[in-house]
Amino acid sequence: MLTIPGNTRIFICNYPLSMRKSFEGLSVTVEDLFPGELFSGSFFIFLNRQKNHMKVLFWDNDGFIILYKRLEKGTFSWKWNDITILDRRTFLMLLEGIHPKRLERRYSR
């Protein structure tokens, strides 16, 4: 299970990216898209064109970490021109394959 502190900012790249990129390539992309955020401890999410591979890059005080998830079936539910900053809940739902915009309240008050 991935534990994410509540104050962590989570950014998503709004266009498909080659999953061949590693630390250096992803770092350059982050600096281009989100200047000044690379060493902030934020999470940066990248999806491939088919939306079945995801890489997450973040700085952990003494080095970069890349998380890589490949789906065996289906795709990640994400539209390319959606928002670029996610909250922790939306990110975890995306990882689990839940489409955050299709959620409805089960109960009303």
Protein backbone atom coordinates (compact mmCIF):
# COMPACT_ATOMS: atom_id res chain seq x y z
CA MET A 1 0.00 0.00 0.00
CA LEU A 2 1.26 3.44 -0.92
CA THR A 3 1.18 5.99 1.91
CA ILE A 4 0.95 9.60 0.80
CA PRO A 5 1.11 12.46 3.32
CA GLY A 6 -1.95 14.71 3.26
CA ASN A 7 -0.02 17.82 2.22
CA THR A 8 1.61 16.19 -0.84
CA ARG A 9 0.84 17.87 -4.15
CA ILE A 10 0.09 15.47 -7.00
CA PHE A 11 0.49 16.61 -10.61
CA ILE A 12 -0.48 14.70 -13.75
CA CYS A 13 0.96 15.23 -17.21
CA ASN A 14 -1.90 16.08 -19.60
CA TYR A 15 -0.49 14.33 -22.64
CA PRO A 16 0.77 10.79 -23.26
CA LEU A 17 4.41 10.12 -22.52
CA SER A 18 6.77 7.38 -23.64
CA MET A 19 7.32 4.88 -20.85
CA ARG A 20 10.93 4.49 -22.04
CA LYS A 21 11.80 7.65 -20.12
CA SER A 22 13.50 7.12 -16.80
CA PHE A 23 14.79 9.45 -14.08
CA GLU A 24 16.51 12.02 -16.30
CA GLY A 25 13.83 12.12 -19.00
CA LEU A 26 10.98 12.38 -16.51
CA SER A 27 12.85 15.04 -14.52
CA VAL A 28 13.28 17.19 -17.62
CA THR A 29 9.57 16.80 -18.42
CA VAL A 30 8.63 17.86 -14.88
CA GLU A 31 10.85 20.95 -15.07
CA ASP A 32 9.22 21.90 -18.39
CA LEU A 33 5.64 21.41 -17.17
CA PHE A 34 5.90 22.36 -13.49
CA PRO A 35 8.89 24.71 -13.03
CA GLY A 36 10.35 24.74 -9.52
CA GLU A 37 8.38 21.71 -8.30
CA LEU A 38 10.86 18.91 -9.02
CA PHE A 39 12.47 18.78 -5.56
CA SER A 40 9.36 19.76 -3.58
CA GLY A 41 8.33 16.21 -2.66
CA SER A 42 5.35 16.38 -5.02
CA PHE A 43 4.21 13.35 -7.03
CA PHE A 44 4.28 13.57 -10.84
CA ILE A 45 2.10 11.12 -12.78
CA PHE A 46 2.69 10.09 -16.40
CA LEU A 47 0.51 7.82 -18.56
CA ASN A 48 1.26 6.24 -21.92
CA ARG A 49 -0.96 6.74 -24.98
CA GLN A 50 -2.93 3.53 -24.37
CA LYS A 51 -3.42 4.52 -20.70
CA ASN A 52 -2.43 1.09 -19.46
CA HIS A 53 0.99 2.08 -18.07
CA MET A 54 1.61 4.69 -15.37
CA LYS A 55 4.84 6.08 -13.94
CA VAL A 56 5.01 8.22 -10.83
CA LEU A 57 8.14 10.24 -10.08
CA PHE A 58 8.89 11.90 -6.76
CA TRP A 59 11.82 13.23 -4.74
CA ASP A 60 12.47 11.54 -1.39
CA ASN A 61 14.93 13.95 0.30
CA ASP A 62 18.00 12.05 -0.94
CA GLY A 63 17.01 10.77 -4.37
CA PHE A 64 14.27 10.17 -6.91
CA ILE A 65 11.83 7.28 -6.78
CA ILE A 66 9.87 5.95 -9.75
CA LEU A 67 6.78 3.82 -9.27
CA TYR A 68 5.62 1.93 -12.35
CA LYS A 69 2.21 0.30 -12.73
CA ARG A 70 1.19 -1.77 -15.76
CA LEU A 71 -2.40 -2.90 -16.04
CA GLU A 72 -2.99 -6.43 -17.29
CA LYS A 73 -6.56 -5.56 -18.33
CA GLY A 74 -8.32 -2.27 -18.97
CA THR A 75 -7.04 1.29 -18.83
CA PHE A 76 -6.67 4.11 -16.36
CA SER A 77 -9.76 6.33 -16.43
CA TRP A 78 -8.38 9.71 -17.40
CA LYS A 79 -9.17 12.33 -20.06
CA TRP A 80 -6.13 14.13 -21.43
CA ASN A 81 -7.35 17.70 -20.95
CA ASP A 82 -8.47 17.26 -17.37
CA ILE A 83 -7.00 19.15 -14.43
CA THR A 84 -3.28 18.88 -13.75
CA ILE A 85 -3.37 18.85 -9.92
CA LEU A 86 -5.02 15.93 -8.15
CA ASP A 87 -5.89 15.40 -4.53
CA ARG A 88 -4.70 12.29 -2.75
CA ARG A 89 -8.11 10.60 -2.88
CA THR A 90 -8.45 11.06 -6.66
CA PHE A 91 -4.93 9.73 -7.23
CA LEU A 92 -5.59 6.60 -5.18
CA MET A 93 -8.90 6.04 -7.02
CA LEU A 94 -7.06 6.38 -10.34
CA LEU A 95 -4.56 3.74 -9.20
CA GLU A 96 -7.43 1.41 -8.26
CA GLY A 97 -9.19 1.88 -11.61
CA ILE A 98 -12.08 3.94 -10.25
CA HIS A 99 -13.24 6.83 -12.42
CA PRO A 100 -13.45 9.79 -10.00
CA LYS A 101 -15.97 11.80 -12.05
CA ARG A 102 -18.50 8.97 -12.16
CA LEU A 103 -18.86 8.76 -8.41
CA GLU A 104 -22.18 9.72 -6.92
CA ARG A 105 -23.25 10.02 -3.33
CA ARG A 106 -25.02 6.96 -2.09
CA TYR A 107 -26.78 8.85 0.65
CA SER A 108 -28.09 12.38 0.84
CA ARG A 109 -28.96 14.44 3.87
